[in-house]
PDB file of N, CA and C in Angstrom:
ATOM      1  N   MET A   1      39.875 223.230 160.412  1.00  0.00           N
ATOM      2  CA  MET A   1      40.952 223.886 161.121  1.00  0.00           C
ATOM      3  C   MET A   1      40.542 224.095 162.573  1.00  0.00           C
ATOM      4  N   THR A   2      41.408 223.744 163.498  1.00  0.00           N
ATOM      5  CA  THR A   2      41.098 223.974 164.901  1.00  0.00           C
ATOM      6  C   THR A   2      41.977 225.087 165.449  1.00  0.00           C
ATOM      7  N   ASN A   3      41.387 225.938 166.219  1.00  0.00           N
ATOM      8  CA  ASN A   3      42.115 227.046 166.815  1.00  0.00           C
ATOM      9  C   ASN A   3      42.720 226.657 168.156  1.00  0.00           C
ATOM     10  N   ALA A   4      42.364 225.469 168.667  1.00  0.00           N
ATOM     11  CA  ALA A   4      42.895 224.928 169.916  1.00  0.00           C
ATOM     12  C   ALA A   4      42.677 225.842 171.113  1.00  0.00           C
ATOM     13  N   LEU A   5      41.849 226.836 170.989  1.00  0.00           N
ATOM     14  CA  LEU A   5      41.530 227.683 172.133  1.00  0.00           C
ATOM     15  C   LEU A   5      40.174 227.280 172.683  1.00  0.00           C
ATOM     16  N   LYS A   6      40.091 227.231 173.983  1.00  0.00           N
ATOM     17  CA  LYS A   6      38.836 226.916 174.655  1.00  0.00           C
ATOM     18  C   LYS A   6      38.167 228.225 175.058  1.00  0.00           C
ATOM     19  N   ILE A   7      36.890 228.315 174.792  1.00  0.00           N
ATOM     20  CA  ILE A   7      36.110 229.481 175.184  1.00  0.00           C
ATOM     21  C   ILE A   7      35.024 229.022 176.142  1.00  0.00           C
ATOM     22  N   GLU A   8      35.000 229.645 177.308  1.00  0.00           N
ATOM     23  CA  GLU A   8      34.023 229.308 178.334  1.00  0.00           C
ATOM     24  C   GLU A   8      32.873 230.312 178.284  1.00  0.00           C
ATOM     25  N   THR A   9      31.670 229.818 178.471  1.00  0.00           N
ATOM     26  CA  THR A   9      30.519 230.716 178.529  1.00  0.00           C
ATOM     27  C   THR A   9      29.983 230.754 179.961  1.00  0.00           C
ATOM     28  N   PHE A  10      29.409 231.877 180.323  1.00  0.00           N
ATOM     29  CA  PHE A  10      28.872 232.063 181.669  1.00  0.00           C
ATOM     30  C   PHE A  10      27.359 232.202 181.601  1.00  0.00           C
ATOM     31  N   PRO A  11      26.643 231.689 182.614  1.00  0.00           N
ATOM     32  CA  PRO A  11      25.182 231.757 182.598  1.00  0.00           C
ATOM     33  C   PRO A  11      24.606 233.068 183.109  1.00  0.00           C
ATOM     34  N   TYR A  12      25.453 233.993 183.518  1.00  0.00           N
ATOM     35  CA  TYR A  12      24.989 235.224 184.153  1.00  0.00           C
ATOM     36  C   TYR A  12      24.654 236.301 183.116  1.00  0.00           C
ATOM     37  N   PHE A  13      23.853 237.258 183.561  1.00  0.00           N
ATOM     38  CA  PHE A  13      23.540 238.415 182.730  1.00  0.00           C
ATOM     39  C   PHE A  13      24.362 239.606 183.206  1.00  0.00           C
ATOM     40  N   PHE A  14      24.934 240.305 182.235  1.00  0.00           N
ATOM     41  CA  PHE A  14      25.811 241.434 182.513  1.00  0.00           C
ATOM     42  C   PHE A  14      25.227 242.715 181.938  1.00  0.00           C
ATOM     43  N   ALA A  15      25.741 243.823 182.432  1.00  0.00           N
ATOM     44  CA  ALA A  15      25.357 245.141 181.926  1.00  0.00           C
ATOM     45  C   ALA A  15      26.618 245.972 181.727  1.00  0.00           C
ATOM     46  N   ILE A  16      26.508 246.920 180.817  1.00  0.00           N
ATOM     47  CA  ILE A  16      27.563 247.887 180.553  1.00  0.00           C
ATOM     48  C   ILE A  16      26.969 249.247 180.879  1.00  0.00           C
ATOM     49  N   ALA A  17      27.683 250.015 181.686  1.00  0.00           N
ATOM     50  CA  ALA A  17      27.096 251.267 182.169  1.00  0.00           C
ATOM     51  C   ALA A  17      28.150 252.349 182.337  1.00  0.00           C
ATOM     52  N   LYS A  18      27.667 253.578 182.323  1.00  0.00           N
ATOM     53  CA  LYS A  18      28.486 254.714 182.750  1.00  0.00           C
ATOM     54  C   LYS A  18      28.126 254.982 184.201  1.00  0.00           C
ATOM     55  N   ILE A  19      29.152 255.218 185.002  1.00  0.00           N
ATOM     56  CA  ILE A  19      28.899 255.532 186.404  1.00  0.00           C
ATOM     57  C   ILE A  19      29.568 256.852 186.747  1.00  0.00           C
ATOM     58  N   ARG A  20      29.091 257.466 187.802  1.00  0.00           N
ATOM     59  CA  ARG A  20      29.626 258.754 188.223  1.00  0.00           C
ATOM     60  C   ARG A  20      30.519 258.629 189.456  1.00  0.00           C
ATOM     61  N   ASN A  21      30.177 257.677 190.312  1.00  0.00           N
ATOM     62  CA  ASN A  21      30.844 257.589 191.603  1.00  0.00           C
ATOM     63  C   ASN A  21      31.542 256.234 191.741  1.00  0.00           C
ATOM     64  N   PRO A  22      32.867 256.197 191.700  1.00  0.00           N
ATOM     65  CA  PRO A  22      33.562 254.918 191.829  1.00  0.00           C
ATOM     66  C   PRO A  22      33.315 254.231 193.172  1.00  0.00           C
ATOM     67  N   ALA A  23      32.909 254.986 194.182  1.00  0.00           N
ATOM     68  CA  ALA A  23      32.612 254.386 195.483  1.00  0.00           C
ATOM     69  C   ALA A  23      31.388 253.480 195.423  1.00  0.00           C
ATOM     70  N   SER A  24      30.576 253.626 194.372  1.00  0.00           N
ATOM     71  CA  SER A  24      29.364 252.803 194.256  1.00  0.00           C
ATOM     72  C   SER A  24      29.631 251.430 193.637  1.00  0.00           C
ATOM     73  N   ILE A  25      30.864 251.163 193.234  1.00  0.00           N
ATOM     74  CA  ILE A  25      31.208 249.881 192.618  1.00  0.00           C
ATOM     75  C   ILE A  25      31.255 248.790 193.685  1.00  0.00           C
ATOM     76  N   ASN A  26      30.627 247.661 193.399  1.00  0.00           N
ATOM     77  CA  ASN A  26      30.653 246.511 194.306  1.00  0.00           C
ATOM     78  C   ASN A  26      31.903 245.680 194.006  1.00  0.00           C
ATOM     79  N   TRP A  27      32.984 245.979 194.693  1.00  0.00           N
ATOM     80  CA  TRP A  27      34.256 245.300 194.446  1.00  0.00           C
ATOM     81  C   TRP A  27      34.258 243.862 194.931  1.00  0.00           C
ATOM     82  N   LYS A  28      33.250 243.450 195.676  1.00  0.00           N
ATOM     83  CA  LYS A  28      33.157 242.059 196.126  1.00  0.00           C
ATOM     84  C   LYS A  28      32.544 241.154 195.061  1.00  0.00           C
ATOM     85  N   SER A  29      31.984 241.738 194.035  1.00  0.00           N
ATOM     86  CA  SER A  29      31.405 240.965 192.939  1.00  0.00           C
ATOM     87  C   SER A  29      32.511 240.182 192.228  1.00  0.00           C
ATOM     88  N   PRO A  30      32.202 238.982 191.726  1.00  0.00           N
ATOM     89  CA  PRO A  30      33.227 238.205 191.034  1.00  0.00           C
ATOM     90  C   PRO A  30      33.645 238.805 189.693  1.00  0.00           C
ATOM     91  N   PHE A  31      32.830 239.673 189.121  1.00  0.00           N
ATOM     92  CA  PHE A  31      33.134 240.277 187.823  1.00  0.00           C
ATOM     93  C   PHE A  31      32.916 241.782 187.882  1.00  0.00           C
ATOM     94  N   VAL A  32      33.998 242.526 187.806  1.00  0.00           N
ATOM     95  CA  VAL A  32      33.930 243.989 187.773  1.00  0.00           C
ATOM     96  C   VAL A  32      35.020 244.462 186.821  1.00  0.00           C
ATOM     97  N   PHE A  33      34.628 245.103 185.756  1.00  0.00           N
ATOM     98  CA  PHE A  33      35.572 245.699 184.822  1.00  0.00           C
ATOM     99  C   PHE A  33      35.303 247.196 184.808  1.00  0.00           C
ATOM    100  N   VAL A  34      36.336 247.980 185.021  1.00  0.00           N
ATOM    101  CA  VAL A  34      36.186 249.424 185.062  1.00  0.00           C
ATOM    102  C   VAL A  34      37.144 250.045 184.053  1.00  0.00           C
ATOM    103  N   GLY A  35      36.638 250.983 183.292  1.00  0.00           N
ATOM    104  CA  GLY A  35      37.470 251.745 182.366  1.00  0.00           C
ATOM    105  C   GLY A  35      37.289 253.224 182.637  1.00  0.00           C
ATOM    106  N   LYS A  36      38.407 253.918 182.795  1.00  0.00           N
ATOM    107  CA  LYS A  36      38.336 255.348 183.072  1.00  0.00           C
ATOM    108  C   LYS A  36      39.172 256.092 182.045  1.00  0.00           C
ATOM    109  N   THR A  37      38.591 257.135 181.489  1.00  0.00           N
ATOM    110  CA  THR A  37      39.306 258.032 180.587  1.00  0.00           C
ATOM    111  C   THR A  37      39.129 259.450 181.104  1.00  0.00           C
ATOM    112  N   ASP A  38      39.574 260.410 180.310  1.00  0.00           N
ATOM    113  CA  ASP A  38      39.438 261.804 180.731  1.00  0.00           C
ATOM    114  C   ASP A  38      37.995 262.282 180.748  1.00  0.00           C
ATOM    115  N   ASP A  39      37.082 261.541 180.083  1.00  0.00           N
ATOM    116  CA  ASP A  39      35.706 262.023 180.055  1.00  0.00           C
ATOM    117  C   ASP A  39      34.642 260.993 180.419  1.00  0.00           C
ATOM    118  N   GLU A  40      35.059 259.808 180.899  1.00  0.00           N
ATOM    119  CA  GLU A  40      34.032 258.866 181.334  1.00  0.00           C
ATOM    120  C   GLU A  40      34.593 257.816 182.270  1.00  0.00           C
ATOM    121  N   LEU A  41      33.677 257.205 183.006  1.00  0.00           N
ATOM    122  CA  LEU A  41      33.972 256.078 183.876  1.00  0.00           C
ATOM    123  C   LEU A  41      32.951 255.007 183.540  1.00  0.00           C
ATOM    124  N   SER A  42      33.440 253.902 182.959  1.00  0.00           N
ATOM    125  CA  SER A  42      32.543 252.849 182.495  1.00  0.00           C
ATOM    126  C   SER A  42      32.695 251.611 183.359  1.00  0.00           C
ATOM    127  N   LEU A  43      31.617 250.855 183.451  1.00  0.00           N
ATOM    128  CA  LEU A  43      31.569 249.658 184.273  1.00  0.00           C
ATOM    129  C   LEU A  43      30.939 248.517 183.484  1.00  0.00           C
ATOM    130  N   VAL A  44      31.543 247.345 183.573  1.00  0.00           N
ATOM    131  CA  VAL A  44      30.928 246.106 183.120  1.00  0.00           C
ATOM    132  C   VAL A  44      30.813 245.227 184.352  1.00  0.00           C
ATOM    133  N   ALA A  45      29.596 244.797 184.657  1.00  0.00           N
ATOM    134  CA  ALA A  45      29.363 244.014 185.869  1.00  0.00           C
ATOM    135  C   ALA A  45      28.106 243.175 185.703  1.00  0.00           C
ATOM    136  N   LEU A  46      27.912 242.282 186.645  1.00  0.00           N
ATOM    137  CA  LEU A  46      26.647 241.560 186.688  1.00  0.00           C
ATOM    138  C   LEU A  46      25.521 242.583 186.756  1.00  0.00           C
ATOM    139  N   GLU A  47      24.402 242.284 186.098  1.00  0.00           N
ATOM    140  CA  GLU A  47      23.290 243.240 186.110  1.00  0.00           C
ATOM    141  C   GLU A  47      22.906 243.642 187.525  1.00  0.00           C
ATOM    142  N   SER A  48      22.930 242.677 188.435  1.00  0.00           N
ATOM    143  CA  SER A  48      22.528 242.956 189.821  1.00  0.00           C
ATOM    144  C   SER A  48      23.508 243.858 190.561  1.00  0.00           C
ATOM    145  N   ASP A  49      24.711 244.039 190.031  1.00  0.00           N
ATOM    146  CA  ASP A  49      25.727 244.847 190.696  1.00  0.00           C
ATOM    147  C   ASP A  49      25.912 246.237 190.096  1.00  0.00           C
ATOM    148  N   VAL A  50      25.083 246.608 189.152  1.00  0.00           N
ATOM    149  CA  VAL A  50      25.180 247.947 188.577  1.00  0.00           C
ATOM    150  C   VAL A  50      24.570 248.941 189.562  1.00  0.00           C
ATOM    151  N   PRO A  51      25.307 249.990 189.914  1.00  0.00           N
ATOM    152  CA  PRO A  51      24.777 250.986 190.862  1.00  0.00           C
ATOM    153  C   PRO A  51      23.467 251.590 190.358  1.00  0.00           C
ATOM    154  N   SER A  52      22.602 251.903 191.282  1.00  0.00           N
ATOM    155  CA  SER A  52      21.279 252.423 190.915  1.00  0.00           C
ATOM    156  C   SER A  52      21.343 253.766 190.204  1.00  0.00           C
ATOM    157  N   ASP A  53      22.412 254.535 190.419  1.00  0.00           N
ATOM    158  CA  ASP A  53      22.505 255.848 189.778  1.00  0.00           C
ATOM    159  C   ASP A  53      23.282 255.810 188.456  1.00  0.00           C
ATOM    160  N   ALA A  54      23.634 254.619 187.989  1.00  0.00           N
ATOM    161  CA  ALA A  54      24.354 254.499 186.714  1.00  0.00           C
ATOM    162  C   ALA A  54      23.434 254.902 185.566  1.00  0.00           C
ATOM    163  N   TYR A  55      24.002 255.621 184.591  1.00  0.00           N
ATOM    164  CA  TYR A  55      23.224 256.028 183.420  1.00  0.00           C
ATOM    165  C   TYR A  55      24.177 256.468 182.317  1.00  0.00           C
ATOM    166  N   PRO A  56      23.977 255.996 181.126  1.00  0.00           N
ATOM    167  CA  PRO A  56      23.031 254.979 180.697  1.00  0.00           C
ATOM    168  C   PRO A  56      23.510 253.577 181.087  1.00  0.00           C
ATOM    169  N   VAL A  57      22.581 252.637 181.031  1.00  0.00           N
ATOM    170  CA  VAL A  57      22.876 251.243 181.335  1.00  0.00           C
ATOM    171  C   VAL A  57      22.344 250.389 180.187  1.00  0.00           C
ATOM    172  N   ASP A  58      23.195 249.531 179.656  1.00  0.00           N
ATOM    173  CA  ASP A  58      22.802 248.605 178.592  1.00  0.00           C
ATOM    174  C   ASP A  58      22.856 247.199 179.167  1.00  0.00           C
ATOM    175  N   ARG A  59      21.716 246.604 179.380  1.00  0.00           N
ATOM    176  CA  ARG A  59      21.603 245.291 180.037  1.00  0.00           C
ATOM    177  C   ARG A  59      21.444 244.164 179.008  1.00  0.00           C
ATOM    178  N   GLY A  60      21.478 242.937 179.520  1.00  0.00           N
ATOM    179  CA  GLY A  60      21.157 241.788 178.683  1.00  0.00           C
ATOM    180  C   GLY A  60      22.332 241.185 177.942  1.00  0.00           C
ATOM    181  N   TYR A  61      23.516 241.287 178.496  1.00  0.00           N
ATOM    182  CA  TYR A  61      24.699 240.689 177.877  1.00  0.00           C
ATOM    183  C   TYR A  61      25.028 239.356 178.525  1.00  0.00           C
ATOM    184  N   ARG A  62      25.628 238.486 177.742  1.00  0.00           N
ATOM    185  CA  ARG A  62      26.211 237.239 178.243  1.00  0.00           C
ATOM    186  C   ARG A  62      27.705 237.310 177.962  1.00  0.00           C
ATOM    187  N   MET A  63      28.480 236.626 178.795  1.00  0.00           N
ATOM    188  CA  MET A  63      29.928 236.733 178.688  1.00  0.00           C
ATOM    189  C   MET A  63      30.567 235.396 178.347  1.00  0.00           C
ATOM    190  N   MET A  64      31.602 235.483 177.502  1.00  0.00           N
ATOM    191  CA  MET A  64      32.445 234.340 177.169  1.00  0.00           C
ATOM    192  C   MET A  64      33.883 234.728 177.488  1.00  0.00           C
ATOM    193  N   ARG A  65      34.681 233.723 177.864  1.00  0.00           N
ATOM    194  CA  ARG A  65      36.070 233.990 178.233  1.00  0.00           C
ATOM    195  C   ARG A  65      36.985 233.013 177.507  1.00  0.00           C
ATOM    196  N   VAL A  66      38.093 233.517 176.976  1.00  0.00           N
ATOM    197  CA  VAL A  66      39.133 232.643 176.452  1.00  0.00           C
ATOM    198  C   VAL A  66      39.775 231.998 177.673  1.00  0.00           C
ATOM    199  N   ALA A  67      39.682 230.667 177.763  1.00  0.00           N
ATOM    200  CA  ALA A  67      40.132 229.948 178.955  1.00  0.00           C
ATOM    201  C   ALA A  67      41.646 229.984 179.087  1.00  0.00           C
ATOM    202  N   GLY A  68      42.091 229.995 180.334  1.00  0.00           N
ATOM    203  CA  GLY A  68      43.517 229.939 180.608  1.00  0.00           C
ATOM    204  C   GLY A  68      44.165 231.309 180.598  1.00  0.00           C
ATOM    205  N   THR A  69      45.472 231.283 180.746  1.00  0.00           N
ATOM    206  CA  THR A  69      46.265 232.508 180.728  1.00  0.00           C
ATOM    207  C   THR A  69      46.972 232.618 179.393  1.00  0.00           C
ATOM    208  N   LEU A  70      46.759 233.737 178.719  1.00  0.00           N
ATOM    209  CA  LEU A  70      47.358 233.954 177.405  1.00  0.00           C
ATOM    210  C   LEU A  70      48.708 234.630 177.556  1.00  0.00           C
ATOM    211  N   ASP A  71      49.664 234.178 176.787  1.00  0.00           N
ATOM    212  CA  ASP A  71      50.983 234.817 176.768  1.00  0.00           C
ATOM    213  C   ASP A  71      50.836 236.195 176.127  1.00  0.00           C
ATOM    214  N   MET A  72      51.462 237.191 176.708  1.00  0.00           N
ATOM    215  CA  MET A  72      51.335 238.563 176.217  1.00  0.00           C
ATOM    216  C   MET A  72      51.910 238.746 174.811  1.00  0.00           C
ATOM    217  N   SER A  73      52.723 237.812 174.346  1.00  0.00           N
ATOM    218  CA  SER A  73      53.306 237.940 173.009  1.00  0.00           C
ATOM    219  C   SER A  73      52.398 237.393 171.915  1.00  0.00           C
ATOM    220  N   LEU A  74      51.295 236.733 172.293  1.00  0.00           N
ATOM    221  CA  LEU A  74      50.367 236.203 171.295  1.00  0.00           C
ATOM    222  C   LEU A  74      49.658 237.349 170.586  1.00  0.00           C
ATOM    223  N   THR A  75      49.381 237.171 169.318  1.00  0.00           N
ATOM    224  CA  THR A  75      48.704 238.216 168.548  1.00  0.00           C
ATOM    225  C   THR A  75      47.475 237.662 167.844  1.00  0.00           C
ATOM    226  N   GLY A  76      46.492 238.512 167.654  1.00  0.00           N
ATOM    227  CA  GLY A  76      45.345 238.200 166.818  1.00  0.00           C
ATOM    228  C   GLY A  76      44.255 237.358 167.432  1.00  0.00           C
ATOM    229  N   ILE A  77      44.368 236.990 168.683  1.00  0.00           N
ATOM    230  CA  ILE A  77      43.349 236.120 169.284  1.00  0.00           C
ATOM    231  C   ILE A  77      41.988 236.793 169.272  1.00  0.00           C
ATOM    232  N   LEU A  78      41.909 237.981 169.838  1.00  0.00           N
ATOM    233  CA  LEU A  78      40.633 238.695 169.876  1.00  0.00           C
ATOM    234  C   LEU A  78      40.182 239.082 168.476  1.00  0.00           C
ATOM    235  N   ALA A  79      41.112 239.415 167.599  1.00  0.00           N
ATOM    236  CA  ALA A  79      40.768 239.774 166.217  1.00  0.00           C
ATOM    237  C   ALA A  79      40.102 238.605 165.501  1.00  0.00           C
ATOM    238  N   ARG A  80      40.632 237.402 165.679  1.00  0.00           N
ATOM    239  CA  ARG A  80      40.047 236.231 165.007  1.00  0.00           C
ATOM    240  C   ARG A  80      38.663 235.907 165.561  1.00  0.00           C
ATOM    241  N   ILE A  81      38.535 235.987 166.882  1.00  0.00           N
ATOM    242  CA  ILE A  81      37.225 235.716 167.484  1.00  0.00           C
ATOM    243  C   ILE A  81      36.209 236.757 167.027  1.00  0.00           C
ATOM    244  N   SER A  82      36.603 238.018 167.049  1.00  0.00           N
ATOM    245  CA  SER A  82      35.658 239.070 166.653  1.00  0.00           C
ATOM    246  C   SER A  82      35.296 238.965 165.177  1.00  0.00           C
ATOM    247  N   LYS A  83      36.227 238.498 164.332  1.00  0.00           N
ATOM    248  CA  LYS A  83      35.905 238.315 162.916  1.00  0.00           C
ATOM    249  C   LYS A  83      34.864 237.223 162.728  1.00  0.00           C
ATOM    250  N   VAL A  84      35.025 236.112 163.441  1.00  0.00           N
ATOM    251  CA  VAL A  84      34.032 235.027 163.360  1.00  0.00           C
ATOM    252  C   VAL A  84      32.654 235.573 163.711  1.00  0.00           C
ATOM    253  N   LEU A  85      32.576 236.348 164.781  1.00  0.00           N
ATOM    254  CA  LEU A  85      31.284 236.879 165.214  1.00  0.00           C
ATOM    255  C   LEU A  85      30.785 237.987 164.294  1.00  0.00           C
ATOM    256  N   ALA A  86      31.680 238.820 163.792  1.00  0.00           N
ATOM    257  CA  ALA A  86      31.280 239.864 162.849  1.00  0.00           C
ATOM    258  C   ALA A  86      30.715 239.257 161.564  1.00  0.00           C
ATOM    259  N   ASP A  87      31.325 238.169 161.107  1.00  0.00           N
ATOM    260  CA  ASP A  87      30.819 237.498 159.898  1.00  0.00           C
ATOM    261  C   ASP A  87      29.393 236.995 160.087  1.00  0.00           C
ATOM    262  N   GLU A  88      28.998 236.762 161.335  1.00  0.00           N
ATOM    263  CA  GLU A  88      27.625 236.332 161.652  1.00  0.00           C
ATOM    264  C   GLU A  88      26.753 237.516 162.071  1.00  0.00           C
ATOM    265  N   GLU A  89      27.305 238.732 161.939  1.00  0.00           N
ATOM    266  CA  GLU A  89      26.614 239.963 162.321  1.00  0.00           C
ATOM    267  C   GLU A  89      26.224 239.979 163.793  1.00  0.00           C
ATOM    268  N   ILE A  90      27.133 239.473 164.635  1.00  0.00           N
ATOM    269  CA  ILE A  90      26.938 239.474 166.079  1.00  0.00           C
ATOM    270  C   ILE A  90      27.853 240.547 166.671  1.00  0.00           C
ATOM    271  N   PRO A  91      27.279 241.644 167.157  1.00  0.00           N
ATOM    272  CA  PRO A  91      28.100 242.684 167.768  1.00  0.00           C
ATOM    273  C   PRO A  91      28.708 242.186 169.080  1.00  0.00           C
ATOM    274  N   ILE A  92      29.892 242.679 169.404  1.00  0.00           N
ATOM    275  CA  ILE A  92      30.547 242.290 170.648  1.00  0.00           C
ATOM    276  C   ILE A  92      30.985 243.521 171.431  1.00  0.00           C
ATOM    277  N   PHE A  93      31.195 243.302 172.705  1.00  0.00           N
ATOM    278  CA  PHE A  93      31.859 244.260 173.575  1.00  0.00           C
ATOM    279  C   PHE A  93      32.982 243.467 174.212  1.00  0.00           C
ATOM    280  N   ALA A  94      34.209 243.849 173.985  1.00  0.00           N
ATOM    281  CA  ALA A  94      35.361 243.084 174.457  1.00  0.00           C
ATOM    282  C   ALA A  94      36.048 243.781 175.620  1.00  0.00           C
ATOM    283  N   VAL A  95      36.524 242.981 176.555  1.00  0.00           N
ATOM    284  CA  VAL A  95      37.287 243.465 177.692  1.00  0.00           C
ATOM    285  C   VAL A  95      38.470 242.523 177.852  1.00  0.00           C
ATOM    286  N   SER A  96      39.619 243.084 178.085  1.00  0.00           N
ATOM    287  CA  SER A  96      40.806 242.260 178.306  1.00  0.00           C
ATOM    288  C   SER A  96      41.369 242.510 179.690  1.00  0.00           C
ATOM    289  N   THR A  97      41.906 241.451 180.268  1.00  0.00           N
ATOM    290  CA  THR A  97      42.625 241.553 181.528  1.00  0.00           C
ATOM    291  C   THR A  97      44.067 241.141 181.263  1.00  0.00           C
ATOM    292  N   TYR A  98      44.872 241.152 182.280  1.00  0.00           N
ATOM    293  CA  TYR A  98      46.258 240.732 182.105  1.00  0.00           C
ATOM    294  C   TYR A  98      46.327 239.285 181.619  1.00  0.00           C
ATOM    295  N   ASN A  99      45.432 238.435 182.112  1.00  0.00           N
ATOM    296  CA  ASN A  99      45.470 237.011 181.782  1.00  0.00           C
ATOM    297  C   ASN A  99      44.794 236.624 180.473  1.00  0.00           C
ATOM    298  N   THR A 100      43.666 237.250 180.153  1.00  0.00           N
ATOM    299  CA  THR A 100      42.883 236.737 179.029  1.00  0.00           C
ATOM    300  C   THR A 100      41.908 237.782 178.478  1.00  0.00           C
ATOM    301  N   ASP A 101      41.095 237.338 177.532  1.00  0.00           N
ATOM    302  CA  ASP A 101      40.107 238.199 176.880  1.00  0.00           C
ATOM    303  C   ASP A 101      38.695 237.716 177.212  1.00  0.00           C
ATOM    304  N   TYR A 102      37.798 238.682 177.345  1.00  0.00           N
ATOM    305  CA  TYR A 102      36.390 238.420 177.593  1.00  0.00           C
ATOM    306  C   TYR A 102      35.585 239.054 176.471  1.00  0.00           C
ATOM    307  N   ILE A 103      34.558 238.338 176.020  1.00  0.00           N
ATOM    308  CA  ILE A 103      33.704 238.827 174.946  1.00  0.00           C
ATOM    309  C   ILE A 103      32.275 238.821 175.462  1.00  0.00           C
ATOM    310  N   LEU A 104      31.613 239.964 175.370  1.00  0.00           N
ATOM    311  CA  LEU A 104      30.206 240.041 175.757  1.00  0.00           C
ATOM    312  C   LEU A 104      29.359 240.181 174.503  1.00  0.00           C
ATOM    313  N   VAL A 105      28.286 239.406 174.465  1.00  0.00           N
ATOM    314  CA  VAL A 105      27.316 239.478 173.369  1.00  0.00           C
ATOM    315  C   VAL A 105      25.931 239.592 173.985  1.00  0.00           C
ATOM    316  N   LYS A 106      25.027 240.185 173.254  1.00  0.00           N
ATOM    317  CA  LYS A 106      23.652 240.268 173.739  1.00  0.00           C
ATOM    318  C   LYS A 106      23.103 238.845 173.927  1.00  0.00           C
ATOM    319  N   SER A 107      22.284 238.671 174.956  1.00  0.00           N
ATOM    320  CA  SER A 107      21.818 237.329 175.317  1.00  0.00           C
ATOM    321  C   SER A 107      21.070 236.639 174.183  1.00  0.00           C
ATOM    322  N   HIS A 108      20.367 237.397 173.361  1.00  0.00           N
ATOM    323  CA  HIS A 108      19.624 236.767 172.269  1.00  0.00           C
ATOM    324  C   HIS A 108      20.541 236.272 171.141  1.00  0.00           C
ATOM    325  N   THR A 109      21.834 236.621 171.188  1.00  0.00           N
ATOM    326  CA  THR A 109      22.772 236.174 170.158  1.00  0.00           C
ATOM    327  C   THR A 109      23.754 235.121 170.660  1.00  0.00           C
ATOM    328  N   VAL A 110      23.700 234.785 171.947  1.00  0.00           N
ATOM    329  CA  VAL A 110      24.724 233.901 172.507  1.00  0.00           C
ATOM    330  C   VAL A 110      24.701 232.518 171.859  1.00  0.00           C
ATOM    331  N   LYS A 111      23.540 231.979 171.579  1.00  0.00           N
ATOM    332  CA  LYS A 111      23.463 230.655 170.951  1.00  0.00           C
ATOM    333  C   LYS A 111      24.135 230.687 169.577  1.00  0.00           C
ATOM    334  N   ASN A 112      23.830 231.706 168.786  1.00  0.00           N
ATOM    335  CA  ASN A 112      24.453 231.831 167.464  1.00  0.00           C
ATOM    336  C   ASN A 112      25.955 232.058 167.583  1.00  0.00           C
ATOM    337  N   ALA A 113      26.383 232.805 168.597  1.00  0.00           N
ATOM    338  CA  ALA A 113      27.810 233.048 168.802  1.00  0.00           C
ATOM    339  C   ALA A 113      28.539 231.749 169.124  1.00  0.00           C
ATOM    340  N   VAL A 114      27.960 230.951 170.003  1.00  0.00           N
ATOM    341  CA  VAL A 114      28.565 229.665 170.369  1.00  0.00           C
ATOM    342  C   VAL A 114      28.649 228.756 169.147  1.00  0.00           C
ATOM    343  N   GLN A 115      27.600 228.709 168.373  1.00  0.00           N
ATOM    344  CA  GLN A 115      27.591 227.869 167.166  1.00  0.00           C
ATOM    345  C   GLN A 115      28.640 228.338 166.163  1.00  0.00           C
ATOM    346  N   ALA A 116      28.744 229.638 165.950  1.00  0.00           N
ATOM    347  CA  ALA A 116      29.703 230.174 164.985  1.00  0.00           C
ATOM    348  C   ALA A 116      31.136 229.891 165.430  1.00  0.00           C
ATOM    349  N   LEU A 117      31.419 230.096 166.701  1.00  0.00           N
ATOM    350  CA  LEU A 117      32.759 229.830 167.206  1.00  0.00           C
ATOM    351  C   LEU A 117      33.097 228.349 167.141  1.00  0.00           C
ATOM    352  N   SER A 118      32.128 227.505 167.427  1.00  0.00           N
ATOM    353  CA  SER A 118      32.347 226.055 167.330  1.00  0.00           C
ATOM    354  C   SER A 118      32.651 225.649 165.894  1.00  0.00           C
ATOM    355  N   ARG A 119      31.895 226.185 164.951  1.00  0.00           N
ATOM    356  CA  ARG A 119      32.141 225.883 163.536  1.00  0.00           C
ATOM    357  C   ARG A 119      33.534 226.346 163.102  1.00  0.00           C
ATOM    358  N   ALA A 120      34.016 227.420 163.724  1.00  0.00           N
ATOM    359  CA  ALA A 120      35.322 227.963 163.382  1.00  0.00           C
ATOM    360  C   ALA A 120      36.471 227.195 164.047  1.00  0.00           C
ATOM    361  N   GLY A 121      36.129 226.189 164.848  1.00  0.00           N
ATOM    362  CA  GLY A 121      37.157 225.354 165.437  1.00  0.00           C
ATOM    363  C   GLY A 121      37.496 225.636 166.875  1.00  0.00           C
ATOM    364  N   TYR A 122      36.805 226.596 167.492  1.00  0.00           N
ATOM    365  CA  TYR A 122      37.035 226.851 168.908  1.00  0.00           C
ATOM    366  C   TYR A 122      36.332 225.796 169.733  1.00  0.00           C
ATOM    367  N   LEU A 123      36.896 225.452 170.873  1.00  0.00           N
ATOM    368  CA  LEU A 123      36.277 224.506 171.796  1.00  0.00           C
ATOM    369  C   LEU A 123      35.451 225.299 172.788  1.00  0.00           C
ATOM    370  N   VAL A 124      34.160 225.389 172.534  1.00  0.00           N
ATOM    371  CA  VAL A 124      33.287 226.215 173.361  1.00  0.00           C
ATOM    372  C   VAL A 124      32.623 225.326 174.393  1.00  0.00           C
ATOM    373  N   THR A 125      32.816 225.666 175.662  1.00  0.00           N
ATOM    374  CA  THR A 125      32.228 224.870 176.737  1.00  0.00           C
ATOM    375  C   THR A 125      30.781 225.244 176.962  1.00  0.00           C
ATOM    376  N   ASN A 126      30.095 224.362 177.642  1.00  0.00           N
ATOM    377  CA  ASN A 126      28.776 224.703 178.123  1.00  0.00           C
ATOM    378  C   ASN A 126      28.931 225.756 179.198  1.00  0.00           C
ATOM    379  N   GLU A 127      27.827 226.271 179.643  1.00  0.00           N
ATOM    380  CA  GLU A 127      27.878 227.326 180.640  1.00  0.00           C
ATOM    381  C   GLU A 127      28.595 226.850 181.895  1.00  0.00           C
ATOM    382  N   ILE A 128      29.419 227.725 182.448  1.00  0.00           N
ATOM    383  CA  ILE A 128      30.062 227.438 183.715  1.00  0.00           C
ATOM    384  C   ILE A 128      29.571 228.419 184.747  1.00  0.00           C
ATOM    385  N   SER A 129      29.629 228.018 185.994  1.00  0.00           N
ATOM    386  CA  SER A 129      29.198 228.929 187.047  1.00  0.00           C
ATOM    387  C   SER A 129      30.264 229.036 188.104  1.00  0.00           C
TER     388      SER A 129
END
C-alpha cells in the first residue's frame, strides 16, 4: 500500500526549549516554531538558535516534513505517520503549520524512522538542505 505522501528529511539538529523572553528568538532563522499558552512559551529551533537563557532545553532532534501544501480538509495524516513511528517505539514531537506537518525525532532514531515510514509506503527523501 502506498500513502503517496512524500516526507522530506533535514540534516540539521534541532532543540525543543522553554524560553522566558520572546525578544531572544532569532526570527531570521529558517526554522522557528513558537507555542504560547497561559503558563509557558516553547520554542523549536535549530540547536544553534536556542537562546542561551532557555531552560530546559532538549537537544538532538532531527526533523522531517510532509512535502507540499496539505489541504485543510484532509484528516489523519499526522495520526497515520505517528502510528507507524509508535509501532516502532519511536517517540515524536509534532509541529503543524498552515501548510503542512513537521515531525521531530531524536537523531539516534532517524534512520529507523525513515526505514519504518518507507516500509509503510511513504516516499521518504534523502536529506535536504
